[in-house]
Amino acid sequence: MKSLAQHLLWFLPMLWLGMVLAISFLEAPLKFRAPGMTLPLGLAIGRIVFRALNTVEFVLAALLVAAAAIVRPSDAAWGWLGWAIFVLATQLLAVRPPLTRRSDRVLAGEQLPRSTAHRWYVALELLKVASLIGLAITTAP
């Protein structure tokens, strides 16, 4: 069991990292360049995609905590894992609600300026990327 947990402790951060990079830094900005894509349609798609991503991230975080409890990695690994979870929690509890309220208004037809909450979300994604890389490096076999 400990061997499996050790492998998961390295593999799951890489899986999580790949998902964040692919969705947040590729899919999200590129969908708005598609011919015929409107802002309301892009927001509606984004809400579905990010809700799914965040659900998977939550599951991965829980699995990582369980694996770490079995393996008992270094303090550095716990620190990186803690940062990744803290960033995810901040995104879900502090940044996503204002973004959701804003997208509700846009979907209702309002014209709004760019959101500072979106910039915070992106900045937190960058911190999450760094945390996941740090976790993978500190737990590498």
C-alpha atoms as a PDB file:
ATOM      1  CA  MET A   1       0.000   0.000   0.000  1.00  0.00           C
ATOM      2  CA  LYS A   2       2.839   2.378   0.852  1.00  0.00           C
ATOM      3  CA  SER A   3       4.453   1.825  -2.564  1.00  0.00           C
ATOM      4  CA  LEU A   4       1.207   2.688  -4.358  1.00  0.00           C
ATOM      5  CA  ALA A   5       0.768   5.781  -2.188  1.00  0.00           C
ATOM      6  CA  GLN A   6       4.349   6.857  -2.982  1.00  0.00           C
ATOM      7  CA  HIS A   7       3.703   6.584  -6.719  1.00  0.00           C
ATOM      8  CA  LEU A   8       0.411   8.466  -6.392  1.00  0.00           C
ATOM      9  CA  LEU A   9       2.148  11.195  -4.423  1.00  0.00           C
ATOM     10  CA  TRP A  10       4.297  11.905  -7.476  1.00  0.00           C
ATOM     11  CA  PHE A  11       1.862  11.018 -10.284  1.00  0.00           C
ATOM     12  CA  LEU A  12      -1.252  12.876  -9.093  1.00  0.00           C
ATOM     13  CA  PRO A  13       0.406  16.316  -8.923  1.00  0.00           C
ATOM     14  CA  MET A  14       1.616  15.812 -12.506  1.00  0.00           C
ATOM     15  CA  LEU A  15      -1.893  14.802 -13.601  1.00  0.00           C
ATOM     16  CA  TRP A  16      -3.380  17.808 -11.790  1.00  0.00           C
ATOM     17  CA  LEU A  17      -0.718  20.079 -13.302  1.00  0.00           C
ATOM     18  CA  GLY A  18      -1.460  18.828 -16.801  1.00  0.00           C
ATOM     19  CA  MET A  19      -5.157  19.462 -16.368  1.00  0.00           C
ATOM     20  CA  VAL A  20      -4.616  23.013 -15.092  1.00  0.00           C
ATOM     21  CA  LEU A  21      -2.190  23.852 -17.897  1.00  0.00           C
ATOM     22  CA  ALA A  22      -4.426  22.375 -20.585  1.00  0.00           C
ATOM     23  CA  ILE A  23      -7.662  23.938 -19.426  1.00  0.00           C
ATOM     24  CA  SER A  24      -6.652  27.232 -17.825  1.00  0.00           C
ATOM     25  CA  PHE A  25      -3.860  28.214 -20.160  1.00  0.00           C
ATOM     26  CA  LEU A  26      -4.928  26.577 -23.449  1.00  0.00           C
ATOM     27  CA  GLU A  27      -8.640  25.821 -23.662  1.00  0.00           C
ATOM     28  CA  ALA A  28      -9.950  28.843 -21.793  1.00  0.00           C
ATOM     29  CA  PRO A  29      -8.244  31.577 -23.831  1.00  0.00           C
ATOM     30  CA  LEU A  30      -8.351  29.730 -27.161  1.00  0.00           C
ATOM     31  CA  LYS A  31     -12.104  29.077 -27.156  1.00  0.00           C
ATOM     32  CA  PHE A  32     -12.732  32.807 -27.554  1.00  0.00           C
ATOM     33  CA  ARG A  33     -10.756  32.789 -30.807  1.00  0.00           C
ATOM     34  CA  ALA A  34     -13.053  30.241 -32.441  1.00  0.00           C
ATOM     35  CA  PRO A  35     -15.123  31.649 -35.316  1.00  0.00           C
ATOM     36  CA  GLY A  36     -18.612  32.487 -34.172  1.00  0.00           C
ATOM     37  CA  MET A  37     -17.804  32.232 -30.469  1.00  0.00           C
ATOM     38  CA  THR A  38     -19.697  34.855 -28.503  1.00  0.00           C
ATOM     39  CA  LEU A  39     -18.835  36.045 -25.024  1.00  0.00           C
ATOM     40  CA  PRO A  40     -22.009  34.573 -23.492  1.00  0.00           C
ATOM     41  CA  LEU A  41     -21.425  31.194 -25.164  1.00  0.00           C
ATOM     42  CA  GLY A  42     -17.762  31.177 -24.101  1.00  0.00           C
ATOM     43  CA  LEU A  43     -18.739  32.005 -20.526  1.00  0.00           C
ATOM     44  CA  ALA A  44     -21.385  29.284 -20.458  1.00  0.00           C
ATOM     45  CA  ILE A  45     -18.896  26.705 -21.740  1.00  0.00           C
ATOM     46  CA  GLY A  46     -16.227  27.973 -19.331  1.00  0.00           C
ATOM     47  CA  ARG A  47     -18.533  27.605 -16.350  1.00  0.00           C
ATOM     48  CA  ILE A  48     -19.186  23.959 -17.203  1.00  0.00           C
ATOM     49  CA  VAL A  49     -15.528  23.189 -17.890  1.00  0.00           C
ATOM     50  CA  PHE A  50     -14.192  24.919 -14.767  1.00  0.00           C
ATOM     51  CA  ARG A  51     -16.868  23.372 -12.538  1.00  0.00           C
ATOM     52  CA  ALA A  52     -15.741  19.958 -13.779  1.00  0.00           C
ATOM     53  CA  LEU A  53     -12.046  20.852 -13.408  1.00  0.00           C
ATOM     54  CA  ASN A  54     -12.543  22.121  -9.872  1.00  0.00           C
ATOM     55  CA  THR A  55     -14.439  18.971  -8.912  1.00  0.00           C
ATOM     56  CA  VAL A  56     -11.601  16.793 -10.216  1.00  0.00           C
ATOM     57  CA  GLU A  57      -9.046  19.042  -8.484  1.00  0.00           C
ATOM     58  CA  PHE A  58     -10.871  18.581  -5.181  1.00  0.00           C
ATOM     59  CA  VAL A  59     -10.811  14.786  -5.614  1.00  0.00           C
ATOM     60  CA  LEU A  60      -7.106  14.840  -6.547  1.00  0.00           C
ATOM     61  CA  ALA A  61      -6.331  16.988  -3.496  1.00  0.00           C
ATOM     62  CA  ALA A  62      -8.159  14.524  -1.232  1.00  0.00           C
ATOM     63  CA  LEU A  63      -6.311  11.575  -2.781  1.00  0.00           C
ATOM     64  CA  LEU A  64      -3.003  13.386  -2.330  1.00  0.00           C
ATOM     65  CA  VAL A  65      -3.713  14.053   1.340  1.00  0.00           C
ATOM     66  CA  ALA A  66      -4.561  10.366   1.817  1.00  0.00           C
ATOM     67  CA  ALA A  67      -1.390   9.274   0.005  1.00  0.00           C
ATOM     68  CA  ALA A  68       0.708  11.717   2.016  1.00  0.00           C
ATOM     69  CA  ALA A  69      -0.800  10.443   5.265  1.00  0.00           C
ATOM     70  CA  ILE A  70       0.383   6.941   4.321  1.00  0.00           C
ATOM     71  CA  VAL A  71       3.816   7.905   2.976  1.00  0.00           C
ATOM     72  CA  ARG A  72       4.601  10.662   5.475  1.00  0.00           C
ATOM     73  CA  PRO A  73       6.698  12.708   3.036  1.00  0.00           C
ATOM     74  CA  SER A  74       9.111  15.507   3.884  1.00  0.00           C
ATOM     75  CA  ASP A  75       7.962  18.765   5.409  1.00  0.00           C
ATOM     76  CA  ALA A  76       8.673  20.409   2.034  1.00  0.00           C
ATOM     77  CA  ALA A  77       6.256  18.033   0.292  1.00  0.00           C
ATOM     78  CA  TRP A  78       3.582  18.762   2.886  1.00  0.00           C
ATOM     79  CA  GLY A  79       4.228  22.475   2.391  1.00  0.00           C
ATOM     80  CA  TRP A  80       3.798  22.287  -1.393  1.00  0.00           C
ATOM     81  CA  LEU A  81       0.669  20.181  -0.993  1.00  0.00           C
ATOM     82  CA  GLY A  82      -0.683  22.641   1.543  1.00  0.00           C
ATOM     83  CA  TRP A  83      -0.071  25.543  -0.839  1.00  0.00           C
ATOM     84  CA  ALA A  84      -1.830  23.770  -3.714  1.00  0.00           C
ATOM     85  CA  ILE A  85      -4.844  23.056  -1.514  1.00  0.00           C
ATOM     86  CA  PHE A  86      -4.846  26.590  -0.083  1.00  0.00           C
ATOM     87  CA  VAL A  87      -4.794  28.079  -3.590  1.00  0.00           C
ATOM     88  CA  LEU A  88      -7.611  25.806  -4.748  1.00  0.00           C
ATOM     89  CA  ALA A  89      -9.692  26.687  -1.681  1.00  0.00           C
ATOM     90  CA  THR A  90      -9.059  30.401  -2.230  1.00  0.00           C
ATOM     91  CA  GLN A  91     -10.150  30.085  -5.852  1.00  0.00           C
ATOM     92  CA  LEU A  92     -13.305  28.177  -4.940  1.00  0.00           C
ATOM     93  CA  LEU A  93     -14.340  30.198  -1.907  1.00  0.00           C
ATOM     94  CA  ALA A  94     -13.104  33.735  -2.623  1.00  0.00           C
ATOM     95  CA  VAL A  95     -12.647  34.207  -6.370  1.00  0.00           C
ATOM     96  CA  ARG A  96     -15.159  31.930  -8.106  1.00  0.00           C
ATOM     97  CA  PRO A  97     -18.259  33.436  -6.418  1.00  0.00           C
ATOM     98  CA  PRO A  98     -17.628  36.973  -7.797  1.00  0.00           C
ATOM     99  CA  LEU A  99     -16.758  35.490 -11.206  1.00  0.00           C
ATOM    100  CA  THR A 100     -19.990  33.506 -11.175  1.00  0.00           C
ATOM    101  CA  ARG A 101     -22.031  36.582 -10.233  1.00  0.00           C
ATOM    102  CA  ARG A 102     -20.341  38.539 -13.023  1.00  0.00           C
ATOM    103  CA  SER A 103     -20.925  35.822 -15.615  1.00  0.00           C
ATOM    104  CA  ASP A 104     -24.583  35.638 -14.502  1.00  0.00           C
ATOM    105  CA  ARG A 105     -24.914  39.331 -15.305  1.00  0.00           C
ATOM    106  CA  VAL A 106     -23.176  38.978 -18.677  1.00  0.00           C
ATOM    107  CA  LEU A 107     -25.353  35.990 -19.546  1.00  0.00           C
ATOM    108  CA  ALA A 108     -28.372  38.142 -18.640  1.00  0.00           C
ATOM    109  CA  GLY A 109     -27.250  40.648 -21.285  1.00  0.00           C
ATOM    110  CA  GLU A 110     -25.271  43.251 -19.330  1.00  0.00           C
ATOM    111  CA  GLN A 111     -22.143  44.777 -20.860  1.00  0.00           C
ATOM    112  CA  LEU A 112     -19.458  44.842 -18.163  1.00  0.00           C
ATOM    113  CA  PRO A 113     -15.781  45.874 -18.123  1.00  0.00           C
ATOM    114  CA  ARG A 114     -13.044  43.268 -17.638  1.00  0.00           C
ATOM    115  CA  SER A 115     -12.965  41.749 -14.189  1.00  0.00           C
ATOM    116  CA  THR A 116     -10.144  42.043 -11.661  1.00  0.00           C
ATOM    117  CA  ALA A 117     -11.400  38.768 -10.143  1.00  0.00           C
ATOM    118  CA  HIS A 118     -10.401  37.051 -13.381  1.00  0.00           C
ATOM    119  CA  ARG A 119      -6.847  38.353 -12.978  1.00  0.00           C
ATOM    120  CA  TRP A 120      -6.771  37.025  -9.410  1.00  0.00           C
ATOM    121  CA  TYR A 121      -7.932  33.620 -10.643  1.00  0.00           C
ATOM    122  CA  VAL A 122      -5.145  33.509 -13.233  1.00  0.00           C
ATOM    123  CA  ALA A 123      -2.545  34.615 -10.674  1.00  0.00           C
ATOM    124  CA  LEU A 124      -3.714  31.865  -8.330  1.00  0.00           C
ATOM    125  CA  GLU A 125      -3.523  29.341 -11.190  1.00  0.00           C
ATOM    126  CA  LEU A 126       0.139  30.302 -11.619  1.00  0.00           C
ATOM    127  CA  LEU A 127       0.737  29.778  -7.882  1.00  0.00           C
ATOM    128  CA  LYS A 128      -1.018  26.409  -8.103  1.00  0.00           C
ATOM    129  CA  VAL A 129       1.214  25.409 -11.023  1.00  0.00           C
ATOM    130  CA  ALA A 130       4.308  26.302  -9.007  1.00  0.00           C
ATOM    131  CA  SER A 131       2.991  24.387  -5.985  1.00  0.00           C
ATOM    132  CA  LEU A 132       2.261  21.268  -8.005  1.00  0.00           C
ATOM    133  CA  ILE A 133       5.697  21.357  -9.621  1.00  0.00           C
ATOM    134  CA  GLY A 134       7.277  21.771  -6.177  1.00  0.00           C
ATOM    135  CA  LEU A 135       5.237  18.852  -4.835  1.00  0.00           C
ATOM    136  CA  ALA A 136       6.234  16.605  -7.738  1.00  0.00           C
ATOM    137  CA  ILE A 137       9.913  17.490  -7.367  1.00  0.00           C
ATOM    138  CA  THR A 138       9.941  16.848  -3.611  1.00  0.00           C
ATOM    139  CA  THR A 139       8.161  13.498  -3.981  1.00  0.00           C
ATOM    140  CA  ALA A 140       9.921  12.222  -7.124  1.00  0.00           C
ATOM    141  CA  PRO A 141      11.094   8.610  -6.863  1.00  0.00           C
END
